[in-house]
Amino acid sequence: MKKFKIMFSHLFIAFLFLSCSTDDSNIIADSPSGMGVLSIGVKPILTSRSMESGDLLIKETTCSKSNMKYIRMALKDSQGKCYFGNSKTGFHEIEMDPIGLDTNNDAVLDTWNTSKDYKMLLPAGNYTLEYLAVTNKKGRDSKIILMSPKRGSEENSMQYYNLVSNSLPVEFSIGDGEELYIPLEALCFKREHAFEFGFVFLEFEDINPFYLCSK
């Protein structure tokens, strides 16, 4: 697991209020006192990658970037419990910025971030990002476009965490009045490949379950 501690110390209280919405799915806490801000960047991995060991191969495929509307995530708190915040399910959806970024200056958009108006407020403390997917809209009937693969407790050369540089779970710390940015790579999602993504239950349950925080 990797720890990200990229922090910006000069956030103002007014900005923290701006980061909230009247929608409970975006409000994670009612007061900015003792809070930090989490933002996510997603880099889609769309081209072919193969493994040197085994036969794992993700063939070139297409994921519609125009459909990438929300980042869906599940967090654990410092006690190892699913973090609910104002969510009744421990399941959080944050709006994405429709304008992508060219992070390597090759004239190709490669990274999409959470919207500056809907960054996630969290009480200062330690967390683990357990699950992250990009969807076309909010709610149960949404479609998963991209997903970040998760690494299990045992090595498995056939799972997709081998294809990204920073697989889940990701441990991170949020400080009071600070902002943390976590960049992640994600792959085009297909339900039949749920096991390779590290989420076996997706093969047998609702494709968009609301119990994404592993126990």
N, C-alpha and C. Protein backbone atom coordinates (compact mmCIF):
# COMPACT_ATOMS: atom_id res chain seq x y z
N MET A 1 0.84 -1.19 0.00
CA MET A 1 0.00 0.00 0.00
C MET A 1 0.88 1.25 0.00
N LYS A 2 0.36 2.29 -0.59
CA LYS A 2 1.16 3.48 -0.73
C LYS A 2 0.54 4.61 0.06
N LYS A 3 1.37 5.46 0.65
CA LYS A 3 0.88 6.57 1.44
C LYS A 3 1.14 7.87 0.68
N PHE A 4 0.09 8.68 0.53
CA PHE A 4 0.22 9.95 -0.13
C PHE A 4 0.03 11.05 0.91
N LYS A 5 1.00 11.96 0.97
CA LYS A 5 0.90 13.06 1.93
C LYS A 5 1.24 14.38 1.23
N ILE A 6 0.54 14.63 0.12
CA ILE A 6 0.74 15.87 -0.62
C ILE A 6 -0.24 16.87 -0.05
N MET A 7 0.23 17.86 0.67
CA MET A 7 -0.66 18.71 1.43
C MET A 7 -0.45 20.19 1.08
N PHE A 8 -1.54 20.96 1.09
CA PHE A 8 -1.48 22.38 0.83
C PHE A 8 -2.03 23.09 2.05
N SER A 9 -1.21 23.88 2.72
CA SER A 9 -1.54 24.36 4.05
C SER A 9 -2.36 25.64 4.08
N HIS A 10 -2.54 26.31 2.94
CA HIS A 10 -3.20 27.62 3.00
C HIS A 10 -4.58 27.59 2.36
N LEU A 11 -5.47 26.79 2.92
CA LEU A 11 -6.86 26.80 2.49
C LEU A 11 -7.65 27.68 3.46
N PHE A 12 -8.54 28.49 2.92
CA PHE A 12 -9.32 29.39 3.76
C PHE A 12 -10.68 28.77 4.07
N ILE A 13 -11.27 29.23 5.17
CA ILE A 13 -12.57 28.72 5.59
C ILE A 13 -13.62 28.93 4.50
N ALA A 14 -13.55 30.07 3.81
CA ALA A 14 -14.52 30.34 2.75
C ALA A 14 -14.44 29.29 1.66
N PHE A 15 -13.23 28.85 1.35
CA PHE A 15 -13.07 27.81 0.32
C PHE A 15 -13.68 26.50 0.77
N LEU A 16 -13.55 26.19 2.04
CA LEU A 16 -14.12 24.95 2.54
C LEU A 16 -15.63 24.96 2.43
N PHE A 17 -16.25 26.11 2.70
CA PHE A 17 -17.69 26.20 2.52
C PHE A 17 -18.07 26.07 1.06
N LEU A 18 -17.26 26.64 0.16
CA LEU A 18 -17.53 26.54 -1.26
C LEU A 18 -17.49 25.10 -1.73
N SER A 19 -16.68 24.28 -1.07
CA SER A 19 -16.53 22.88 -1.47
C SER A 19 -17.73 22.03 -1.12
N CYS A 20 -18.66 22.57 -0.35
CA CYS A 20 -19.83 21.81 0.06
C CYS A 20 -20.96 21.99 -0.94
N SER A 21 -21.92 21.11 -0.83
CA SER A 21 -23.14 21.20 -1.64
C SER A 21 -24.31 20.92 -0.72
N THR A 22 -25.51 21.34 -1.13
CA THR A 22 -26.69 21.03 -0.34
C THR A 22 -27.12 19.59 -0.52
N ASP A 23 -26.49 18.88 -1.42
CA ASP A 23 -26.77 17.47 -1.66
C ASP A 23 -26.00 16.65 -0.63
N ASP A 24 -26.71 15.80 0.15
CA ASP A 24 -26.05 15.02 1.20
C ASP A 24 -24.95 14.12 0.67
N SER A 25 -25.04 13.72 -0.62
CA SER A 25 -24.01 12.83 -1.15
C SER A 25 -22.68 13.55 -1.31
N ASN A 26 -22.70 14.89 -1.30
CA ASN A 26 -21.48 15.66 -1.43
C ASN A 26 -21.06 16.31 -0.12
N ILE A 27 -22.01 16.49 0.81
CA ILE A 27 -21.67 17.03 2.12
C ILE A 27 -21.18 15.88 3.00
N ILE A 28 -19.91 15.92 3.41
CA ILE A 28 -19.38 14.86 4.24
C ILE A 28 -19.36 15.27 5.71
N ALA A 29 -19.34 16.56 5.99
CA ALA A 29 -19.43 17.03 7.37
C ALA A 29 -20.09 18.40 7.35
N ASP A 30 -20.73 18.77 8.46
CA ASP A 30 -21.47 20.02 8.50
C ASP A 30 -20.61 21.22 8.82
N SER A 31 -19.49 21.02 9.45
CA SER A 31 -18.64 22.13 9.88
C SER A 31 -17.23 21.95 9.35
N PRO A 32 -16.59 23.05 8.89
CA PRO A 32 -15.22 22.95 8.40
C PRO A 32 -14.18 22.89 9.50
N SER A 33 -14.57 23.09 10.75
CA SER A 33 -13.61 23.04 11.84
C SER A 33 -13.01 21.65 11.97
N GLY A 34 -11.67 21.56 11.95
CA GLY A 34 -11.01 20.28 12.07
C GLY A 34 -11.11 19.42 10.82
N MET A 35 -11.35 20.08 9.67
CA MET A 35 -11.56 19.35 8.43
C MET A 35 -10.39 19.51 7.47
N GLY A 36 -10.28 18.56 6.55
CA GLY A 36 -9.37 18.66 5.43
C GLY A 36 -10.13 18.35 4.16
N VAL A 37 -9.48 18.53 3.02
CA VAL A 37 -10.13 18.34 1.73
C VAL A 37 -9.43 17.25 0.94
N LEU A 38 -10.19 16.31 0.40
CA LEU A 38 -9.66 15.25 -0.44
C LEU A 38 -10.11 15.46 -1.87
N SER A 39 -9.17 15.44 -2.80
CA SER A 39 -9.50 15.45 -4.22
C SER A 39 -8.80 14.29 -4.90
N ILE A 40 -9.41 13.80 -5.96
CA ILE A 40 -8.94 12.60 -6.66
C ILE A 40 -8.68 12.92 -8.12
N GLY A 41 -7.61 12.37 -8.65
CA GLY A 41 -7.34 12.43 -10.08
C GLY A 41 -7.32 11.02 -10.65
N VAL A 42 -8.01 10.81 -11.77
CA VAL A 42 -8.08 9.49 -12.39
C VAL A 42 -7.45 9.53 -13.77
N LYS A 43 -6.51 8.63 -13.99
CA LYS A 43 -5.86 8.50 -15.30
C LYS A 43 -6.31 7.18 -15.92
N PRO A 44 -7.14 7.23 -16.97
CA PRO A 44 -7.58 5.98 -17.61
C PRO A 44 -6.43 5.29 -18.32
N ILE A 45 -6.33 3.99 -18.12
CA ILE A 45 -5.36 3.17 -18.85
C ILE A 45 -6.17 2.43 -19.93
N LEU A 46 -6.06 2.91 -21.17
CA LEU A 46 -6.93 2.42 -22.23
C LEU A 46 -6.21 1.57 -23.26
N THR A 47 -4.90 1.57 -23.26
CA THR A 47 -4.17 0.83 -24.28
C THR A 47 -3.74 -0.53 -23.77
N SER A 48 -3.30 -1.38 -24.68
CA SER A 48 -2.94 -2.75 -24.34
C SER A 48 -1.74 -2.78 -23.39
N ARG A 49 -1.83 -3.66 -22.41
CA ARG A 49 -0.70 -3.94 -21.53
C ARG A 49 -0.67 -5.43 -21.30
N SER A 50 0.51 -6.02 -21.32
CA SER A 50 0.61 -7.44 -21.06
C SER A 50 1.57 -7.69 -19.92
N MET A 51 1.45 -8.85 -19.30
CA MET A 51 2.30 -9.21 -18.19
C MET A 51 3.44 -10.09 -18.67
N GLU A 52 4.63 -9.89 -18.10
CA GLU A 52 5.77 -10.73 -18.46
C GLU A 52 5.57 -12.15 -17.96
N SER A 53 4.91 -12.28 -16.82
CA SER A 53 4.65 -13.60 -16.26
C SER A 53 3.17 -13.93 -16.42
N GLY A 54 2.84 -15.13 -16.86
CA GLY A 54 1.45 -15.50 -17.07
C GLY A 54 0.93 -14.97 -18.38
N ASP A 55 -0.37 -15.10 -18.58
CA ASP A 55 -0.99 -14.74 -19.84
C ASP A 55 -1.94 -13.55 -19.71
N LEU A 56 -1.82 -12.81 -18.62
CA LEU A 56 -2.75 -11.70 -18.40
C LEU A 56 -2.57 -10.64 -19.48
N LEU A 57 -3.67 -10.27 -20.10
CA LEU A 57 -3.62 -9.26 -21.16
C LEU A 57 -4.93 -8.49 -21.17
N ILE A 58 -4.80 -7.18 -21.17
CA ILE A 58 -5.97 -6.33 -21.37
C ILE A 58 -5.87 -5.80 -22.80
N LYS A 59 -6.75 -6.23 -23.65
CA LYS A 59 -6.72 -5.80 -25.03
C LYS A 59 -7.17 -4.34 -25.13
N GLU A 60 -6.71 -3.69 -26.17
CA GLU A 60 -7.10 -2.30 -26.37
C GLU A 60 -8.61 -2.20 -26.45
N THR A 61 -9.16 -1.27 -25.72
CA THR A 61 -10.62 -1.13 -25.68
C THR A 61 -10.95 0.35 -25.58
N THR A 62 -12.20 0.66 -25.60
CA THR A 62 -12.60 2.06 -25.53
C THR A 62 -13.51 2.27 -24.33
N CYS A 63 -13.26 3.36 -23.61
CA CYS A 63 -14.14 3.81 -22.54
C CYS A 63 -14.53 5.24 -22.91
N SER A 64 -15.80 5.50 -22.96
CA SER A 64 -16.25 6.83 -23.37
C SER A 64 -15.92 7.86 -22.30
N LYS A 65 -14.97 8.74 -22.60
CA LYS A 65 -14.59 9.78 -21.64
C LYS A 65 -15.75 10.75 -21.39
N SER A 66 -16.62 10.90 -22.37
CA SER A 66 -17.74 11.82 -22.22
C SER A 66 -18.73 11.33 -21.18
N ASN A 67 -18.69 10.03 -20.83
CA ASN A 67 -19.60 9.47 -19.84
C ASN A 67 -19.03 9.46 -18.43
N MET A 68 -17.81 9.95 -18.25
CA MET A 68 -17.19 9.94 -16.93
C MET A 68 -17.70 11.14 -16.14
N LYS A 69 -18.69 10.89 -15.28
CA LYS A 69 -19.37 11.98 -14.57
C LYS A 69 -19.07 12.04 -13.08
N TYR A 70 -18.94 10.86 -12.43
CA TYR A 70 -18.77 10.81 -10.98
C TYR A 70 -17.67 9.83 -10.59
N ILE A 71 -16.98 10.18 -9.52
CA ILE A 71 -16.06 9.25 -8.87
C ILE A 71 -16.79 8.66 -7.67
N ARG A 72 -16.83 7.35 -7.60
CA ARG A 72 -17.48 6.63 -6.51
C ARG A 72 -16.40 5.98 -5.66
N MET A 73 -16.46 6.16 -4.36
CA MET A 73 -15.41 5.63 -3.50
C MET A 73 -15.96 5.09 -2.19
N ALA A 74 -15.15 4.26 -1.54
CA ALA A 74 -15.45 3.75 -0.21
C ALA A 74 -14.18 3.88 0.62
N LEU A 75 -14.32 4.36 1.85
CA LEU A 75 -13.18 4.62 2.73
C LEU A 75 -13.31 3.86 4.04
N LYS A 76 -12.15 3.55 4.62
CA LYS A 76 -12.09 3.08 6.00
C LYS A 76 -11.46 4.17 6.85
N ASP A 77 -11.89 4.27 8.11
CA ASP A 77 -11.29 5.24 9.01
C ASP A 77 -10.11 4.61 9.73
N SER A 78 -9.54 5.34 10.68
CA SER A 78 -8.34 4.88 11.39
C SER A 78 -8.60 3.65 12.25
N GLN A 79 -9.87 3.37 12.53
CA GLN A 79 -10.24 2.19 13.31
C GLN A 79 -10.50 0.97 12.42
N GLY A 80 -10.33 1.15 11.11
CA GLY A 80 -10.56 0.05 10.19
C GLY A 80 -12.03 -0.19 9.88
N LYS A 81 -12.87 0.81 10.19
CA LYS A 81 -14.31 0.68 9.93
C LYS A 81 -14.69 1.52 8.72
N CYS A 82 -15.75 1.10 8.05
CA CYS A 82 -16.22 1.85 6.90
C CYS A 82 -16.59 3.27 7.33
N TYR A 83 -16.06 4.27 6.63
CA TYR A 83 -16.35 5.66 6.96
C TYR A 83 -17.66 6.08 6.28
N PHE A 84 -18.65 6.45 7.10
CA PHE A 84 -19.95 6.80 6.57
C PHE A 84 -20.10 8.29 6.31
N GLY A 85 -19.55 9.14 7.21
CA GLY A 85 -19.78 10.57 7.07
C GLY A 85 -21.28 10.84 7.08
N ASN A 86 -21.76 11.62 6.11
CA ASN A 86 -23.19 11.86 5.98
C ASN A 86 -23.88 10.85 5.06
N SER A 87 -23.12 9.86 4.61
CA SER A 87 -23.69 8.82 3.76
C SER A 87 -24.21 7.69 4.63
N LYS A 88 -25.37 7.19 4.33
CA LYS A 88 -25.95 6.11 5.12
C LYS A 88 -25.36 4.75 4.75
N THR A 89 -24.59 4.70 3.66
CA THR A 89 -24.09 3.44 3.16
C THR A 89 -22.58 3.31 3.21
N GLY A 90 -21.87 4.41 3.55
CA GLY A 90 -20.42 4.39 3.48
C GLY A 90 -19.93 4.48 2.04
N PHE A 91 -20.80 4.96 1.20
CA PHE A 91 -20.59 4.99 -0.25
C PHE A 91 -20.66 6.44 -0.69
N HIS A 92 -19.60 6.96 -1.31
CA HIS A 92 -19.52 8.39 -1.61
C HIS A 92 -19.36 8.63 -3.10
N GLU A 93 -20.09 9.58 -3.64
CA GLU A 93 -20.02 9.93 -5.06
C GLU A 93 -19.67 11.41 -5.19
N ILE A 94 -18.60 11.71 -5.91
CA ILE A 94 -18.13 13.08 -6.07
C ILE A 94 -18.12 13.43 -7.56
N GLU A 95 -18.66 14.57 -7.92
CA GLU A 95 -18.74 14.98 -9.31
C GLU A 95 -17.35 15.22 -9.90
N MET A 96 -17.16 14.83 -11.16
CA MET A 96 -15.89 15.01 -11.85
C MET A 96 -15.91 16.29 -12.69
N ASP A 97 -14.74 16.85 -12.87
CA ASP A 97 -14.59 17.99 -13.77
C ASP A 97 -14.59 17.45 -15.20
N PRO A 98 -15.47 17.94 -16.08
CA PRO A 98 -15.53 17.42 -17.45
C PRO A 98 -14.32 17.79 -18.29
N ILE A 99 -13.53 18.73 -17.82
CA ILE A 99 -12.34 19.16 -18.56
C ILE A 99 -11.13 18.37 -18.09
N GLY A 100 -10.56 17.58 -18.97
CA GLY A 100 -9.39 16.78 -18.62
C GLY A 100 -8.10 17.59 -18.68
N LEU A 101 -7.01 16.97 -18.21
CA LEU A 101 -5.71 17.61 -18.17
C LEU A 101 -4.69 16.82 -18.98
N ASP A 102 -3.74 17.52 -19.55
CA ASP A 102 -2.61 16.89 -20.23
C ASP A 102 -1.42 16.96 -19.28
N THR A 103 -1.23 15.92 -18.49
CA THR A 103 -0.22 15.96 -17.43
C THR A 103 1.20 15.69 -17.91
N ASN A 104 1.36 15.13 -19.12
CA ASN A 104 2.71 14.83 -19.62
C ASN A 104 3.06 15.63 -20.87
N ASN A 105 2.24 16.65 -21.17
CA ASN A 105 2.53 17.58 -22.27
C ASN A 105 2.72 16.90 -23.63
N ASP A 106 1.85 15.91 -23.91
CA ASP A 106 1.93 15.25 -25.22
C ASP A 106 0.73 15.59 -26.10
N ALA A 107 0.00 16.63 -25.71
CA ALA A 107 -1.16 17.12 -26.46
C ALA A 107 -2.35 16.16 -26.40
N VAL A 108 -2.35 15.24 -25.44
CA VAL A 108 -3.45 14.30 -25.25
C VAL A 108 -3.96 14.41 -23.82
N LEU A 109 -5.26 14.60 -23.64
CA LEU A 109 -5.83 14.65 -22.29
C LEU A 109 -5.72 13.28 -21.66
N ASP A 110 -5.19 13.22 -20.44
CA ASP A 110 -4.94 11.90 -19.84
C ASP A 110 -5.43 11.77 -18.41
N THR A 111 -5.84 12.85 -17.76
CA THR A 111 -6.25 12.78 -16.35
C THR A 111 -7.49 13.64 -16.12
N TRP A 112 -8.42 13.09 -15.33
CA TRP A 112 -9.63 13.82 -14.97
C TRP A 112 -9.73 13.87 -13.46
N ASN A 113 -10.03 15.07 -12.92
CA ASN A 113 -10.05 15.28 -11.47
C ASN A 113 -11.47 15.48 -10.96
N THR A 114 -11.63 15.32 -9.64
CA THR A 114 -12.89 15.71 -9.02
C THR A 114 -13.10 17.20 -9.22
N SER A 115 -14.34 17.60 -9.35
CA SER A 115 -14.67 19.00 -9.58
C SER A 115 -14.20 19.87 -8.42
N LYS A 116 -13.71 21.06 -8.73
CA LYS A 116 -13.23 21.95 -7.68
C LYS A 116 -14.35 22.39 -6.74
N ASP A 117 -15.59 22.31 -7.20
CA ASP A 117 -16.73 22.70 -6.36
C ASP A 117 -17.27 21.55 -5.52
N TYR A 118 -16.76 20.34 -5.74
CA TYR A 118 -17.30 19.19 -5.02
C TYR A 118 -16.20 18.30 -4.47
N LYS A 119 -15.15 18.91 -3.97
CA LYS A 119 -14.13 18.12 -3.30
C LYS A 119 -14.69 17.59 -1.99
N MET A 120 -14.10 16.52 -1.50
CA MET A 120 -14.67 15.81 -0.35
C MET A 120 -14.07 16.34 0.96
N LEU A 121 -14.94 16.80 1.85
CA LEU A 121 -14.51 17.23 3.18
C LEU A 121 -14.43 16.03 4.11
N LEU A 122 -13.31 15.91 4.82
CA LEU A 122 -13.11 14.81 5.75
C LEU A 122 -12.57 15.33 7.07
N PRO A 123 -13.00 14.76 8.20
CA PRO A 123 -12.37 15.10 9.47
C PRO A 123 -10.89 14.74 9.41
N ALA A 124 -10.05 15.58 9.96
CA ALA A 124 -8.61 15.31 9.96
C ALA A 124 -8.34 13.95 10.59
N GLY A 125 -7.49 13.17 9.95
CA GLY A 125 -7.20 11.84 10.47
C GLY A 125 -6.63 10.93 9.39
N ASN A 126 -6.58 9.64 9.70
CA ASN A 126 -6.02 8.64 8.80
C ASN A 126 -7.13 7.80 8.16
N TYR A 127 -6.95 7.48 6.88
CA TYR A 127 -7.97 6.74 6.14
C TYR A 127 -7.31 5.74 5.19
N THR A 128 -8.16 4.83 4.69
CA THR A 128 -7.74 3.92 3.63
C THR A 128 -8.79 3.97 2.53
N LEU A 129 -8.35 4.24 1.32
CA LEU A 129 -9.23 4.20 0.17
C LEU A 129 -9.33 2.76 -0.30
N GLU A 130 -10.53 2.17 -0.16
CA GLU A 130 -10.75 0.76 -0.42
C GLU A 130 -11.27 0.47 -1.83
N TYR A 131 -11.98 1.43 -2.39
CA TYR A 131 -12.65 1.20 -3.66
C TYR A 131 -12.78 2.52 -4.39
N LEU A 132 -12.56 2.49 -5.71
CA LEU A 132 -12.76 3.69 -6.52
C LEU A 132 -13.19 3.29 -7.92
N ALA A 133 -14.29 3.87 -8.38
CA ALA A 133 -14.78 3.64 -9.73
C ALA A 133 -15.25 4.96 -10.31
N VAL A 134 -15.30 5.04 -11.63
CA VAL A 134 -15.83 6.20 -12.34
C VAL A 134 -17.13 5.76 -13.01
N THR A 135 -18.20 6.53 -12.79
CA THR A 135 -19.52 6.15 -13.29
C THR A 135 -20.11 7.24 -14.20
N ASN A 136 -21.17 6.86 -14.91
CA ASN A 136 -21.81 7.80 -15.83
C ASN A 136 -22.84 8.69 -15.14
N LYS A 137 -23.28 8.31 -13.93
CA LYS A 137 -24.21 9.11 -13.15
C LYS A 137 -24.25 8.57 -11.73
N LYS A 138 -25.06 9.17 -10.89
CA LYS A 138 -25.17 8.75 -9.50
C LYS A 138 -26.23 7.66 -9.34
N GLY A 139 -26.09 6.88 -8.27
CA GLY A 139 -27.15 5.95 -7.90
C GLY A 139 -26.98 4.53 -8.41
N ARG A 140 -27.92 3.69 -8.02
CA ARG A 140 -27.86 2.25 -8.29
C ARG A 140 -27.88 1.91 -9.78
N ASP A 141 -28.58 2.69 -10.57
CA ASP A 141 -28.72 2.35 -11.98
C ASP A 141 -27.63 2.96 -12.84
N SER A 142 -26.58 3.46 -12.22
CA SER A 142 -25.46 4.02 -12.98
C SER A 142 -24.60 2.90 -13.57
N LYS A 143 -23.76 3.26 -14.49
CA LYS A 143 -22.87 2.31 -15.14
C LYS A 143 -21.43 2.61 -14.77
N ILE A 144 -20.67 1.58 -14.39
CA ILE A 144 -19.26 1.75 -14.09
C ILE A 144 -18.48 1.82 -15.40
N ILE A 145 -17.74 2.92 -15.57
CA ILE A 145 -16.93 3.12 -16.77
C ILE A 145 -15.50 2.63 -16.54
N LEU A 146 -14.93 3.07 -15.45
CA LEU A 146 -13.55 2.73 -15.07
C LEU A 146 -13.52 2.24 -13.64
N MET A 147 -12.52 1.44 -13.31
CA MET A 147 -12.33 1.01 -11.93
C MET A 147 -10.83 0.88 -11.64
N SER A 148 -10.45 1.27 -10.43
CA SER A 148 -9.07 1.05 -9.99
C SER A 148 -8.97 -0.34 -9.38
N PRO A 149 -8.03 -1.15 -9.83
CA PRO A 149 -7.92 -2.51 -9.29
C PRO A 149 -7.38 -2.52 -7.87
N LYS A 150 -7.76 -3.56 -7.13
CA LYS A 150 -7.35 -3.69 -5.74
C LYS A 150 -6.48 -4.91 -5.54
N ARG A 151 -5.46 -4.74 -4.76
CA ARG A 151 -4.53 -5.83 -4.46
C ARG A 151 -4.99 -6.56 -3.21
N GLY A 152 -5.02 -7.90 -3.27
CA GLY A 152 -5.41 -8.69 -2.12
C GLY A 152 -4.25 -8.97 -1.19
N SER A 153 -4.49 -9.80 -0.20
CA SER A 153 -3.45 -10.13 0.78
C SER A 153 -2.40 -11.07 0.23
N GLU A 154 -2.70 -11.73 -0.89
CA GLU A 154 -1.76 -12.65 -1.50
C GLU A 154 -1.41 -12.21 -2.92
N GLU A 155 -0.19 -12.54 -3.35
CA GLU A 155 0.24 -12.21 -4.71
C GLU A 155 -0.58 -13.01 -5.72
N ASN A 156 -0.93 -12.34 -6.83
CA ASN A 156 -1.66 -13.03 -7.90
C ASN A 156 -1.28 -12.35 -9.22
N SER A 157 -0.48 -13.03 -10.00
CA SER A 157 0.04 -12.45 -11.24
C SER A 157 -1.03 -12.24 -12.29
N MET A 158 -2.23 -12.80 -12.08
CA MET A 158 -3.29 -12.70 -13.07
C MET A 158 -4.28 -11.57 -12.77
N GLN A 159 -4.06 -10.85 -11.69
CA GLN A 159 -4.99 -9.78 -11.35
C GLN A 159 -4.47 -8.43 -11.84
N TYR A 160 -5.41 -7.50 -12.04
CA TYR A 160 -5.10 -6.26 -12.73
C TYR A 160 -4.30 -5.25 -11.91
N TYR A 161 -4.13 -5.46 -10.61
CA TYR A 161 -3.32 -4.53 -9.85
C TYR A 161 -1.89 -4.51 -10.38
N ASN A 162 -1.49 -5.57 -11.08
CA ASN A 162 -0.17 -5.61 -11.67
C ASN A 162 -0.02 -4.65 -12.85
N LEU A 163 -1.11 -4.12 -13.35
CA LEU A 163 -1.08 -3.27 -14.54
C LEU A 163 -1.07 -1.78 -14.24
N VAL A 164 -1.16 -1.42 -12.96
CA VAL A 164 -1.15 -0.01 -12.60
C VAL A 164 -0.02 0.27 -11.62
N SER A 165 0.33 1.53 -11.52
CA SER A 165 1.47 1.90 -10.67
C SER A 165 1.09 2.11 -9.22
N ASN A 166 -0.21 2.34 -8.94
CA ASN A 166 -0.64 2.60 -7.57
C ASN A 166 -2.01 1.98 -7.32
N SER A 167 -2.01 0.68 -7.11
CA SER A 167 -3.27 -0.04 -6.90
C SER A 167 -3.84 0.22 -5.51
N LEU A 168 -5.13 -0.05 -5.36
CA LEU A 168 -5.77 0.01 -4.05
C LEU A 168 -5.37 -1.21 -3.22
N PRO A 169 -5.50 -1.14 -1.90
CA PRO A 169 -5.94 0.00 -1.09
C PRO A 169 -4.83 1.03 -0.93
N VAL A 170 -5.22 2.29 -0.70
CA VAL A 170 -4.27 3.39 -0.53
C VAL A 170 -4.50 4.02 0.84
N GLU A 171 -3.48 4.06 1.66
CA GLU A 171 -3.55 4.72 2.97
C GLU A 171 -3.17 6.20 2.80
N PHE A 172 -3.90 7.07 3.50
CA PHE A 172 -3.57 8.50 3.42
C PHE A 172 -3.96 9.20 4.70
N SER A 173 -3.41 10.39 4.88
CA SER A 173 -3.70 11.21 6.06
C SER A 173 -4.21 12.57 5.61
N ILE A 174 -5.21 13.08 6.30
CA ILE A 174 -5.77 14.40 6.05
C ILE A 174 -5.50 15.25 7.28
N GLY A 175 -4.91 16.42 7.08
CA GLY A 175 -4.64 17.33 8.19
C GLY A 175 -5.67 18.45 8.25
N ASP A 176 -5.79 19.08 9.40
CA ASP A 176 -6.73 20.19 9.60
C ASP A 176 -6.37 21.34 8.67
N GLY A 177 -7.32 21.76 7.83
CA GLY A 177 -7.10 22.89 6.94
C GLY A 177 -6.19 22.58 5.76
N GLU A 178 -5.96 21.31 5.48
CA GLU A 178 -5.06 20.93 4.40
C GLU A 178 -5.81 20.21 3.29
N GLU A 179 -5.24 20.23 2.10
CA GLU A 179 -5.82 19.52 0.97
C GLU A 179 -4.88 18.42 0.52
N LEU A 180 -5.46 17.27 0.25
CA LEU A 180 -4.70 16.12 -0.24
C LEU A 180 -5.21 15.72 -1.61
N TYR A 181 -4.29 15.55 -2.54
CA TYR A 181 -4.63 15.11 -3.90
C TYR A 181 -4.05 13.72 -4.12
N ILE A 182 -4.92 12.77 -4.50
CA ILE A 182 -4.47 11.40 -4.75
C ILE A 182 -4.68 11.07 -6.23
N PRO A 183 -3.61 10.82 -6.97
CA PRO A 183 -3.75 10.40 -8.37
C PRO A 183 -3.81 8.87 -8.46
N LEU A 184 -4.72 8.35 -9.27
CA LEU A 184 -4.88 6.91 -9.43
C LEU A 184 -5.07 6.55 -10.90
N GLU A 185 -4.58 5.39 -11.27
CA GLU A 185 -4.85 4.84 -12.59
C GLU A 185 -6.06 3.93 -12.51
N ALA A 186 -6.85 3.90 -13.58
CA ALA A 186 -8.05 3.05 -13.61
C ALA A 186 -8.16 2.40 -14.99
N LEU A 187 -8.80 1.24 -15.01
CA LEU A 187 -8.95 0.46 -16.23
C LEU A 187 -10.42 0.38 -16.63
N CYS A 188 -10.66 0.19 -17.92
CA CYS A 188 -12.03 -0.01 -18.40
C CYS A 188 -12.63 -1.21 -17.67
N PHE A 189 -13.84 -1.03 -17.16
CA PHE A 189 -14.45 -2.08 -16.35
C PHE A 189 -15.41 -2.95 -17.15
N LYS A 190 -15.29 -4.25 -16.94
CA LYS A 190 -16.26 -5.22 -17.44
C LYS A 190 -16.62 -6.15 -16.29
N ARG A 191 -17.89 -6.42 -16.12
CA ARG A 191 -18.35 -7.21 -14.98
C ARG A 191 -17.70 -8.59 -14.95
N GLU A 192 -17.50 -9.19 -16.11
CA GLU A 192 -16.93 -10.53 -16.16
C GLU A 192 -15.47 -10.55 -15.71
N HIS A 193 -14.86 -9.39 -15.57
CA HIS A 193 -13.48 -9.31 -15.10
C HIS A 193 -13.39 -8.83 -13.65
N ALA A 194 -14.49 -8.90 -12.92
CA ALA A 194 -14.52 -8.41 -11.54
C ALA A 194 -13.46 -9.07 -10.68
N PHE A 195 -13.24 -10.36 -10.85
CA PHE A 195 -12.23 -11.06 -10.05
C PHE A 195 -10.84 -10.48 -10.31
N GLU A 196 -10.53 -10.21 -11.57
CA GLU A 196 -9.22 -9.65 -11.91
C GLU A 196 -9.04 -8.26 -11.31
N PHE A 197 -10.15 -7.52 -11.12
CA PHE A 197 -10.09 -6.21 -10.49
C PHE A 197 -9.93 -6.31 -8.98
N GLY A 198 -10.12 -7.49 -8.40
CA GLY A 198 -9.97 -7.68 -6.96
C GLY A 198 -11.26 -7.57 -6.18
N PHE A 199 -12.41 -7.58 -6.89
CA PHE A 199 -13.71 -7.47 -6.24
C PHE A 199 -14.58 -8.65 -6.67
N VAL A 200 -14.37 -9.78 -6.03
CA VAL A 200 -15.03 -11.02 -6.43
C VAL A 200 -16.55 -10.89 -6.34
N PHE A 201 -17.06 -10.19 -5.32
CA PHE A 201 -18.51 -10.14 -5.10
C PHE A 201 -19.24 -9.49 -6.27
N LEU A 202 -18.56 -8.70 -7.07
CA LEU A 202 -19.22 -8.06 -8.21
C LEU A 202 -19.69 -9.07 -9.24
N GLU A 203 -19.10 -10.27 -9.23
CA GLU A 203 -19.52 -11.30 -10.17
C GLU A 203 -20.88 -11.88 -9.82
N PHE A 204 -21.26 -11.76 -8.55
CA PHE A 204 -22.45 -12.46 -8.07
C PHE A 204 -23.55 -11.53 -7.58
N GLU A 205 -23.22 -10.26 -7.37
CA GLU A 205 -24.20 -9.34 -6.82
C GLU A 205 -24.47 -8.21 -7.82
N ASP A 206 -25.20 -7.22 -7.37
CA ASP A 206 -25.48 -6.03 -8.16
C ASP A 206 -24.16 -5.46 -8.67
N ILE A 207 -24.11 -5.07 -9.94
CA ILE A 207 -22.89 -4.53 -10.50
C ILE A 207 -22.46 -3.24 -9.82
N ASN A 208 -23.41 -2.54 -9.21
CA ASN A 208 -23.10 -1.31 -8.48
C ASN A 208 -23.55 -1.43 -7.02
N PRO A 209 -22.96 -2.33 -6.26
CA PRO A 209 -23.41 -2.54 -4.87
C PRO A 209 -23.11 -1.31 -4.00
N PHE A 210 -23.90 -1.15 -2.94
CA PHE A 210 -23.73 -0.01 -2.04
C PHE A 210 -23.00 -0.45 -0.75
N TYR A 211 -22.28 -1.55 -0.82
CA TYR A 211 -21.52 -2.00 0.35
C TYR A 211 -20.09 -2.26 -0.08
N LEU A 212 -19.42 -1.19 -0.51
CA LEU A 212 -18.13 -1.32 -1.16
C LEU A 212 -16.96 -1.29 -0.18
N CYS A 213 -17.22 -0.99 1.08
CA CYS A 213 -16.12 -0.94 2.05
C CYS A 213 -15.88 -2.35 2.58
N SER A 214 -14.75 -2.96 2.21
CA SER A 214 -14.48 -4.33 2.62
C SER A 214 -14.32 -4.42 4.13
N LYS A 215 -14.63 -5.59 4.70
CA LYS A 215 -14.61 -5.75 6.15
C LYS A 215 -13.32 -6.41 6.61
